[in-house]
Every structure is written in structure tokens, then in C-alpha cells.
Amino acid sequence: MKQTAITKRLAGLGGAKWGVYLKAKKLVAEGRDIIELSIGEPDVATPVDLVDVAVDALRRGRTTYSSGPGEAGLRNALAERYSRTSGRTITEDQVLCFPGTQTSLFAVLMGVAEEGCEVLVGDPMYATYEGVVRASGADMIPVPIRPENGFRIAAEDIAERITPRTSAILLTTPHNPTGSILTDADIDAIGALAREHDLWIVSDEVYDELIFDGTAFSSPLSRPELADRVIVVSSISKSHAAPGFRSGWCVGPERFTEALLPLSETMLFGNQPFIADMTEKAVRDGSSVAAGMAQRFCQRARRLRERLDRETRLRVHLPQAGMFAMIDVSATGMNGNDYAHHLLEHGNVAVMPGSSFGDTLDNWVRVALTVDDAAFAAACDRIVAHAKQVQLETV
């Protein structure tokens, strides 16, 4: 039987990137004491008041079909939220609701790229970006995000890769996996390129409420001169510790959301009304857990750097936001993939190889900051002990 082109384009994506995580799960099932720092989940439960809204909505019969663009109350709440944060007037007609950021990204990429197009994506990148670009039929063009630039994508690196086939620039700010935040100057320079070459800017901002002290977040959505070409995707997964509810959205120019609506309706026809009610409350009230998570994640990243700087040759890049920290493991003589497997086998800590996120991070690993303080301290102890043993073995 024949298979479609999209299944061939996506063949082989995903599985190998999670090899250490899957191996760690197998070892845990066999009884090994593994501290899991590879996958980032919020370190608190979904707030009870949000769960109560969803349960009450279920009991009230909010299980009917949804409106195609999403429930009116939620779209209104999102329009008000983005009008407030962007300083521009955002209307309900500029909002489409989806089950999670991932679905939103899939739909949006289908709307801005197709076969024959190229989409510029920072390397390193979130692990599913290659898939959503390839699914559209477009080619993904990696743009190196350099450690010496604070892991912020640079306009000059983007400019070198723009061709007549380029249709969009996919940004992540705050960035996963590095936790960097684009500055106003970064966004202005990237925006100028997008205007010069008539490109879309898709901005994944799912970590925009997990900002650490001493830093500020800026979005391309706040630039009036970019109003006709910026599309923001996000969700309540991180900000409200609700990843399993799968509730996300996109915000963009009305001409874009109007054109994308038939695709959205063909895919899923809106989001679930009882989840929309819960999400509306989350958006209107703001998060009761984001500030605490940001504080804890920031403190854990700093403790990790203090320990490793003082006691090992490993070097930590401090994030400005998000749930992860990056460790440069090149001093061990191993690349990130070999180090992650070695640490799992000999140190009983699971981390993600940097190469899972692109070629730029071949000598790095990503560490989740989302386990409790006691477990994180124990993981630091194990990483330090493992580093010292590796150093002895290579002397």
C-alpha cells in the first residue's frame, strides 16, 4: 500500500532524541535509583481552582460542540490579555484556540509555509520544530544560535540564510532549551529583516510567564510596524502548570486567522468547552503558580552553576527564563550524547543530550530544573561525583 508524502517527510523524527529519557524509564522500572532531569514538567499541580472550574463545567454539560475559532469567552479573554501586554488593540477575530501550543504550531506552519518554501529556525531548537516545518512540506533551514551571543538568535545569521524561498522565521522567546530571552534590539533587527523580505514571524512564547528576576520579556507582537506579519503561539501548559489540559492558541493578523480558520475547523473544530472555561479563568485571573516556579527554577540553576563552577570543569549557562539549564561538558572529552549516557549509567542522573535540539549543542546537555529541591541537590551531588570520577579516568 502506498503512503503519503507527509508520512515520509516525518519518518524517523523524534524517537532517537528521547533515547536517554526512554533508557532512564527502563532502568527505573528495573529498580534503579535514577533522578530524572531530562523532561521538564511543572513542579506543582494544576491549581485547584482551575480544576474546579473544569469539573463544574463538565457537570453543567459543557461537553457540546465548540465554536470553530474557540469559545467566545476565552477568545475575548485572550484578546484583552494581549491588548494589555502588547500595547496594541487585539480583537477576538485575531485569536484561534487549539489543544496546546503544539497543535497551534502545526496549524500556523501549515498556514505560512508549503512545499517549495523555507522556514528559518534557530539551532538549538525545541525538539518538535523540525516536524512541524516538514509537515507543511517546507524545508527547515537551521540558523546557529551561538553561546557567545548568550544563545540569542542574531539577525545577521538570519540574513545570511534568507533566500527567495524563505517564507517565515520561527522564533522561541523565552528560548527552549537555553532559557535565553530576545532583547528589544534583537527583535527590532529581526523585524526589519522580515519587513524587508516580506516574511512571517512566528513567535513561540509558551514560557513568557516564567521570567527570572533581573530580566524582562519583549514580544514582536508589541511592534505596530510588524502587526501584519507576527503570529504568537502559546498555552497554559507552563504558566498555569496545566500541560495535560492541552489548551493553547494563536494570535495574529485578522486576515491570517480568517484564512487559517477552515484548516483549524477541518482539523478539530475548536477546543473543548469545559477546558475553554477553565482556560478563560486562567487567562483572566493570571497565574497563581508561575512566579513561584520561576523563583525556584532560577535558584536551582544558580545552585547548579555554583556547585559545578566550584567543584568541576563543567560550565553552566544560566538561563533567563523557563525550566532548563545548559551544561557545557566538553571538558570531559565527551560530546553531549556520550556524556548523557555515561552519566545515566555511572551517575544515575538522566539529562538530555544537547544534540537532541540541534547541531549547535553537540557538546552540551540540558538539565531540567523541575524536581524538588532535595532531589535536585542530590542530583547535583551525583553530577559532581561523576565529573570527578571522569576527570580521574582521563588524567
Protein backbone atom coordinates (compact mmCIF):
# COMPACT_ATOMS: atom_id res chain seq x y z
CA MET A 1 0.00 0.00 0.00
CA LYS A 2 1.20 3.50 -0.78
CA GLN A 3 1.94 6.01 1.95
CA THR A 4 1.52 9.75 1.69
CA ALA A 5 4.31 12.27 1.32
CA ILE A 6 3.74 13.72 4.79
CA THR A 7 4.37 10.37 6.48
CA LYS A 8 7.62 10.06 4.54
CA ARG A 9 8.65 13.62 5.45
CA LEU A 10 8.14 12.89 9.14
CA ALA A 11 9.66 9.40 9.13
CA GLY A 12 12.47 8.99 11.62
CA LEU A 13 11.79 12.19 13.52
CA GLY A 14 11.51 12.20 17.27
CA GLY A 15 12.36 8.78 18.66
CA ALA A 16 16.16 8.94 18.84
CA LYS A 17 16.04 12.35 20.52
CA TRP A 18 14.46 10.82 23.59
CA GLY A 19 16.82 7.84 23.84
CA VAL A 20 18.31 8.75 27.25
CA TYR A 21 14.87 9.51 28.68
CA LEU A 22 13.47 6.17 27.48
CA LYS A 23 16.52 4.32 28.78
CA ALA A 24 16.12 6.03 32.15
CA LYS A 25 12.48 4.95 32.35
CA LYS A 26 13.53 1.37 31.65
CA LEU A 27 16.19 1.49 34.39
CA VAL A 28 13.69 2.92 36.88
CA ALA A 29 11.28 0.09 36.04
CA GLU A 30 14.12 -2.34 36.79
CA GLY A 31 14.60 -0.79 40.22
CA ARG A 32 17.48 1.66 39.61
CA ASP A 33 17.51 4.90 41.63
CA ILE A 34 17.56 7.42 38.77
CA ILE A 35 17.00 11.15 39.24
CA GLU A 36 15.09 12.30 36.17
CA LEU A 37 16.24 15.68 34.83
CA SER A 38 15.60 15.13 31.14
CA ILE A 39 11.92 16.06 30.75
CA GLY A 40 10.54 19.32 32.10
CA GLU A 41 7.17 19.21 33.86
CA PRO A 42 5.87 21.97 36.17
CA ASP A 43 6.91 21.16 39.74
CA VAL A 44 3.45 21.92 41.14
CA ALA A 45 -0.01 20.53 40.45
CA THR A 46 -2.55 22.41 38.37
CA PRO A 47 -4.19 24.95 40.72
CA VAL A 48 -7.28 23.50 42.39
CA ASP A 49 -9.47 26.47 41.48
CA LEU A 50 -8.82 25.83 37.78
CA VAL A 51 -9.56 22.14 38.13
CA ASP A 52 -12.78 23.03 39.94
CA VAL A 53 -13.87 25.24 37.05
CA ALA A 54 -13.26 22.42 34.56
CA VAL A 55 -15.12 19.88 36.72
CA ASP A 56 -18.02 22.26 37.30
CA ALA A 57 -18.21 22.96 33.58
CA LEU A 58 -18.34 19.22 32.90
CA ARG A 59 -21.21 18.86 35.36
CA ARG A 60 -23.03 21.78 33.75
CA GLY A 61 -22.95 19.99 30.41
CA ARG A 62 -20.15 21.99 28.78
CA THR A 63 -19.37 18.96 26.63
CA THR A 64 -21.14 20.07 23.47
CA TYR A 65 -19.50 21.03 20.19
CA SER A 66 -17.36 24.14 20.34
CA SER A 67 -17.27 27.18 18.15
CA GLY A 68 -14.78 26.69 15.33
CA PRO A 69 -12.41 29.51 16.34
CA GLY A 70 -12.80 28.65 20.05
CA GLU A 71 -15.26 29.65 22.76
CA ALA A 72 -16.18 33.34 22.70
CA GLY A 73 -15.37 33.95 26.37
CA LEU A 74 -11.86 32.55 26.04
CA ARG A 75 -11.15 34.44 22.82
CA ASN A 76 -12.32 37.65 24.48
CA ALA A 77 -10.08 36.99 27.50
CA LEU A 78 -7.09 36.36 25.24
CA ALA A 79 -7.80 39.49 23.19
CA GLU A 80 -7.88 41.56 26.37
CA ARG A 81 -4.71 39.92 27.69
CA TYR A 82 -2.68 40.51 24.53
CA SER A 83 -4.06 44.04 24.10
CA ARG A 84 -2.76 44.77 27.59
CA THR A 85 0.65 43.14 27.21
CA SER A 86 1.34 44.29 23.64
CA GLY A 87 0.06 47.85 23.95
CA ARG A 88 -1.93 47.30 20.76
CA THR A 89 -5.60 46.60 20.22
CA ILE A 90 -6.08 42.88 19.69
CA THR A 91 -9.58 41.67 18.80
CA GLU A 92 -11.31 38.33 19.26
CA ASP A 93 -11.13 37.83 15.49
CA GLN A 94 -7.33 37.69 15.78
CA VAL A 95 -7.47 34.67 18.12
CA LEU A 96 -7.86 30.97 17.32
CA CYS A 97 -7.93 28.31 20.06
CA PHE A 98 -6.22 24.92 19.81
CA PRO A 99 -5.46 21.94 22.06
CA GLY A 100 -1.99 23.05 23.16
CA THR A 101 0.88 25.01 21.64
CA GLN A 102 1.97 22.02 19.58
CA THR A 103 -1.31 21.87 17.64
CA SER A 104 -1.25 25.63 17.24
CA LEU A 105 2.28 25.47 15.82
CA PHE A 106 1.27 22.71 13.41
CA ALA A 107 -1.67 24.71 12.09
CA VAL A 108 0.22 28.01 11.90
CA LEU A 109 3.15 26.46 9.99
CA MET A 110 0.63 24.97 7.57
CA GLY A 111 -0.65 28.50 7.08
CA VAL A 112 2.69 30.21 6.41
CA ALA A 113 4.72 27.57 4.55
CA GLU A 114 4.31 24.85 1.96
CA GLU A 115 6.33 22.76 -0.48
CA GLY A 116 8.97 24.92 -2.11
CA CYS A 117 9.24 27.22 0.92
CA GLU A 118 11.95 27.51 3.56
CA VAL A 119 11.44 28.28 7.24
CA LEU A 120 14.35 29.67 9.26
CA VAL A 121 14.63 28.12 12.72
CA GLY A 122 17.23 28.74 15.42
CA ASP A 123 19.60 25.86 16.21
CA PRO A 124 19.26 24.74 19.03
CA MET A 125 15.50 24.40 18.85
CA TYR A 126 12.61 22.69 20.60
CA ALA A 127 12.61 19.06 19.53
CA THR A 128 9.34 19.10 17.53
CA TYR A 129 10.09 22.13 15.35
CA GLU A 130 11.62 20.12 12.54
CA GLY A 131 8.47 18.03 12.41
CA VAL A 132 6.00 20.92 12.20
CA VAL A 133 8.07 22.56 9.46
CA ARG A 134 8.49 19.36 7.46
CA ALA A 135 4.79 18.55 7.83
CA SER A 136 3.96 21.70 5.86
CA GLY A 137 6.18 20.48 3.01
CA ALA A 138 8.69 23.29 3.57
CA ASP A 139 12.41 22.84 4.21
CA MET A 140 13.74 23.76 7.63
CA ILE A 141 16.87 25.93 7.50
CA PRO A 142 18.79 25.90 10.81
CA VAL A 143 20.27 29.20 11.99
CA PRO A 144 23.02 28.73 14.60
CA ILE A 145 22.27 30.30 17.97
CA ARG A 146 25.70 30.94 19.42
CA PRO A 147 26.78 30.60 23.08
CA GLU A 148 28.96 33.70 22.69
CA ASN A 149 25.78 35.66 21.88
CA GLY A 150 24.04 34.44 25.01
CA PHE A 151 22.13 31.85 22.96
CA ARG A 152 20.07 34.60 21.31
CA ILE A 153 19.44 34.24 17.60
CA ALA A 154 21.22 37.04 15.70
CA ALA A 155 19.72 38.99 12.83
CA GLU A 156 22.96 38.79 10.85
CA ASP A 157 22.89 34.97 11.00
CA ILE A 158 19.28 35.01 9.82
CA ALA A 159 20.11 37.42 6.99
CA GLU A 160 22.82 35.11 5.63
CA ARG A 161 20.24 32.34 5.15
CA ILE A 162 17.34 34.24 3.60
CA THR A 163 16.61 33.20 0.02
CA PRO A 164 13.72 33.84 -2.39
CA ARG A 165 12.17 30.63 -0.99
CA THR A 166 12.11 31.86 2.62
CA SER A 167 8.56 32.37 3.90
CA ALA A 168 8.87 32.56 7.68
CA ILE A 169 11.15 32.92 10.69
CA LEU A 170 10.23 30.71 13.67
CA LEU A 171 11.34 32.29 16.95
CA THR A 172 11.22 30.97 20.51
CA THR A 173 11.38 33.54 23.27
CA PRO A 174 11.98 32.70 26.04
CA HIS A 175 14.02 30.01 24.36
CA ASN A 176 13.79 26.26 24.87
CA PRO A 177 16.25 24.70 25.61
CA THR A 178 18.61 27.52 26.63
CA GLY A 179 16.30 29.88 28.54
CA SER A 180 17.53 33.00 26.70
CA ILE A 181 15.24 35.96 26.00
CA LEU A 182 15.39 38.10 22.87
CA THR A 183 16.11 41.75 23.59
CA ASP A 184 14.26 44.72 22.12
CA ALA A 185 17.25 45.30 19.83
CA ASP A 186 17.18 41.65 18.69
CA ILE A 187 13.50 41.86 17.83
CA ASP A 188 13.85 45.18 16.06
CA ALA A 189 16.67 43.83 13.88
CA ILE A 190 14.81 40.60 13.07
CA GLY A 191 11.63 42.57 12.40
CA ALA A 192 13.47 44.80 9.94
CA LEU A 193 14.59 41.71 8.01
CA ALA A 194 11.05 40.33 7.98
CA ARG A 195 9.73 43.59 6.58
CA GLU A 196 12.50 43.90 4.00
CA HIS A 197 11.94 40.37 2.68
CA ASP A 198 8.18 40.14 3.34
CA LEU A 199 8.43 37.24 5.80
CA TRP A 200 6.15 35.94 8.51
CA ILE A 201 7.41 35.86 12.11
CA VAL A 202 6.03 33.00 14.21
CA SER A 203 6.87 33.54 17.88
CA ASP A 204 6.51 30.64 20.34
CA GLU A 205 6.08 32.35 23.72
CA VAL A 206 4.95 29.49 25.94
CA TYR A 207 7.49 30.43 28.67
CA ASP A 208 6.62 34.15 28.76
CA GLU A 209 5.40 33.98 32.38
CA LEU A 210 8.43 32.06 33.69
CA ILE A 211 10.81 35.03 33.59
CA PHE A 212 13.61 35.14 36.18
CA ASP A 213 14.45 38.16 38.32
CA GLY A 214 16.60 40.78 36.64
CA THR A 215 15.32 40.11 33.13
CA ALA A 216 12.44 41.44 31.05
CA PHE A 217 10.38 39.85 28.29
CA SER A 218 9.66 41.51 24.95
CA SER A 219 7.45 40.23 22.14
CA PRO A 220 7.41 41.06 18.44
CA LEU A 221 3.63 41.31 18.82
CA SER A 222 4.13 44.66 20.56
CA ARG A 223 5.63 46.26 17.42
CA PRO A 224 2.96 48.11 15.41
CA GLU A 225 5.19 48.00 12.34
CA LEU A 226 5.09 44.19 12.49
CA ALA A 227 1.36 43.90 13.08
CA ASP A 228 0.64 42.40 9.67
CA ARG A 229 3.24 39.61 9.92
CA VAL A 230 3.59 38.41 13.55
CA ILE A 231 1.81 35.31 14.84
CA VAL A 232 2.21 34.34 18.51
CA VAL A 233 1.53 30.82 19.79
CA SER A 234 1.24 29.89 23.46
CA SER A 235 -0.78 27.94 26.04
CA ILE A 236 -1.47 27.48 29.76
CA SER A 237 0.74 24.38 29.92
CA LYS A 238 3.74 26.04 31.57
CA SER A 239 2.34 29.26 33.05
CA HIS A 240 -0.50 27.52 34.89
CA ALA A 241 1.09 24.09 35.40
CA ALA A 242 -1.57 22.51 33.20
CA PRO A 243 0.20 20.64 30.37
CA GLY A 244 -2.29 17.75 30.35
CA PHE A 245 -5.27 20.00 29.70
CA ARG A 246 -3.91 20.77 26.19
CA SER A 247 -5.21 24.30 25.87
CA GLY A 248 -3.40 26.73 23.58
CA TRP A 249 -3.95 29.42 20.98
CA CYS A 250 -2.52 31.60 18.26
CA VAL A 251 -2.80 35.37 17.93
CA GLY A 252 -2.13 37.04 14.59
CA PRO A 253 -3.40 39.42 11.92
CA GLU A 254 -7.11 39.04 11.27
CA ARG A 255 -6.51 38.25 7.60
CA PHE A 256 -4.32 35.33 8.73
CA THR A 257 -6.68 33.90 11.35
CA GLU A 258 -9.58 34.22 8.92
CA ALA A 259 -7.62 32.29 6.29
CA LEU A 260 -6.45 29.67 8.82
CA LEU A 261 -9.91 29.03 10.30
CA PRO A 262 -11.04 26.50 7.66
CA LEU A 263 -7.86 24.47 8.30
CA SER A 264 -8.45 24.67 12.06
CA GLU A 265 -12.06 23.57 11.64
CA THR A 266 -11.01 20.73 9.36
CA MET A 267 -8.53 19.53 11.99
CA LEU A 268 -10.55 19.76 15.22
CA PHE A 269 -13.31 22.39 15.20
CA GLY A 270 -12.39 24.40 18.26
CA ASN A 271 -11.35 23.31 21.72
CA GLN A 272 -13.42 21.56 24.39
CA PRO A 273 -15.89 23.97 26.05
CA PHE A 274 -15.19 22.79 29.61
CA ILE A 275 -11.45 23.27 29.09
CA ALA A 276 -12.10 26.64 27.45
CA ASP A 277 -13.99 27.76 30.57
CA MET A 278 -11.07 26.75 32.76
CA THR A 279 -8.60 28.46 30.41
CA GLU A 280 -10.67 31.64 30.36
CA LYS A 281 -10.43 31.84 34.16
CA ALA A 282 -6.68 31.14 33.97
CA VAL A 283 -6.15 33.94 31.44
CA ARG A 284 -8.38 36.47 33.21
CA ASP A 285 -7.06 35.83 36.73
CA GLY A 286 -3.40 35.34 35.84
CA SER A 287 -1.24 32.55 37.20
CA SER A 288 -1.01 31.79 40.90
CA VAL A 289 1.95 29.45 40.37
CA ALA A 290 4.17 30.98 37.66
CA ALA A 291 6.07 33.39 39.92
CA GLY A 292 6.89 30.64 42.41
CA MET A 293 8.06 28.29 39.68
CA ALA A 294 10.25 30.99 38.12
CA GLN A 295 11.85 31.74 41.50
CA ARG A 296 12.55 28.07 42.24
CA PHE A 297 13.90 27.32 38.77
CA CYS A 298 16.15 30.36 38.90
CA GLN A 299 17.52 29.38 42.32
CA ARG A 300 18.17 25.80 41.22
CA ALA A 301 20.02 26.98 38.10
CA ARG A 302 22.21 29.23 40.22
CA ARG A 303 22.93 26.43 42.72
CA LEU A 304 23.86 24.14 39.86
CA ARG A 305 26.31 26.67 38.44
CA GLU A 306 27.83 27.41 41.85
CA ARG A 307 28.43 23.71 42.50
CA LEU A 308 29.82 22.86 39.10
CA ASP A 309 31.97 26.00 38.80
CA ARG A 310 33.46 25.37 42.22
CA GLU A 311 33.96 21.62 42.08
CA THR A 312 34.22 20.54 38.42
CA ARG A 313 35.36 21.62 34.98
CA LEU A 314 31.78 21.60 33.70
CA ARG A 315 30.34 25.01 32.84
CA VAL A 316 26.71 26.08 33.21
CA HIS A 317 24.92 28.64 31.05
CA LEU A 318 22.50 30.46 33.35
CA PRO A 319 19.01 30.74 31.84
CA GLN A 320 16.92 33.90 31.99
CA ALA A 321 13.60 32.06 31.96
CA GLY A 322 11.97 28.66 31.55
CA MET A 323 12.58 25.26 33.11
CA PHE A 324 16.07 24.24 32.00
CA ALA A 325 19.78 24.96 32.31
CA MET A 326 22.53 24.02 29.86
CA ILE A 327 25.85 22.42 30.82
CA ASP A 328 28.92 22.54 28.58
CA VAL A 329 30.51 19.09 29.04
CA SER A 330 33.37 19.47 26.53
CA ALA A 331 35.95 19.41 29.35
CA THR A 332 35.15 15.73 29.90
CA GLY A 333 36.36 14.84 26.40
CA MET A 334 32.89 13.51 25.59
CA ASN A 335 30.20 15.01 23.43
CA GLY A 336 26.81 15.66 24.99
CA ASN A 337 25.24 12.41 23.83
CA ASP A 338 28.07 10.23 25.15
CA TYR A 339 28.18 12.21 28.39
CA ALA A 340 24.41 11.87 28.95
CA HIS A 341 24.56 8.10 28.51
CA HIS A 342 27.67 7.86 30.71
CA LEU A 343 26.08 9.98 33.45
CA LEU A 344 22.97 7.81 33.36
CA GLU A 345 24.91 4.55 33.58
CA HIS A 346 27.54 5.65 36.10
CA GLY A 347 25.95 8.60 37.90
CA ASN A 348 22.25 7.64 37.95
CA VAL A 349 21.09 11.02 36.61
CA ALA A 350 19.13 11.41 33.37
CA VAL A 351 19.70 14.56 31.28
CA MET A 352 19.00 15.39 27.64
CA PRO A 353 21.85 15.47 25.12
CA GLY A 354 22.15 18.89 23.55
CA SER A 355 22.24 17.28 20.12
CA SER A 356 18.54 16.42 20.59
CA PHE A 357 17.93 20.13 19.96
CA GLY A 358 20.33 20.71 17.08
CA ASP A 359 23.95 20.61 15.99
CA THR A 360 24.99 23.75 17.89
CA LEU A 361 24.69 21.98 21.24
CA ASP A 362 26.70 18.87 20.39
CA ASN A 363 28.96 19.39 23.45
CA TRP A 364 26.16 20.37 25.82
CA VAL A 365 23.40 18.71 27.85
CA ARG A 366 20.07 20.11 29.04
CA VAL A 367 19.12 19.77 32.70
CA ALA A 368 15.52 20.12 33.89
CA LEU A 369 15.10 22.33 36.95
CA THR A 370 11.70 20.91 37.81
CA VAL A 371 12.34 18.29 40.52
CA ASP A 372 12.03 19.30 44.17
CA ASP A 373 14.95 20.91 46.00
CA ALA A 374 16.04 17.76 47.83
CA ALA A 375 16.11 15.68 44.65
CA PHE A 376 17.87 18.48 42.77
CA ALA A 377 20.54 18.77 45.47
CA ALA A 378 21.07 15.01 45.30
CA ALA A 379 21.36 15.24 41.51
CA CYS A 380 23.99 17.97 41.86
CA ASP A 381 25.93 15.71 44.25
CA ARG A 382 25.82 12.88 41.71
CA ILE A 383 26.83 15.11 38.78
CA VAL A 384 29.80 16.44 40.78
CA ALA A 385 30.88 12.95 41.89
CA HIS A 386 30.57 11.66 38.33
CA ALA A 387 32.59 14.60 36.96
CA LYS A 388 35.39 13.97 39.44
CA GLN A 389 35.47 10.29 38.53
CA VAL A 390 35.57 11.09 34.81
CA GLN A 391 38.39 13.56 35.43
CA LEU A 392 40.41 10.89 37.29
CA GLU A 393 39.85 8.41 34.49
CA THR A 394 41.08 10.87 31.83
CA VAL A 395 44.16 12.16 33.69
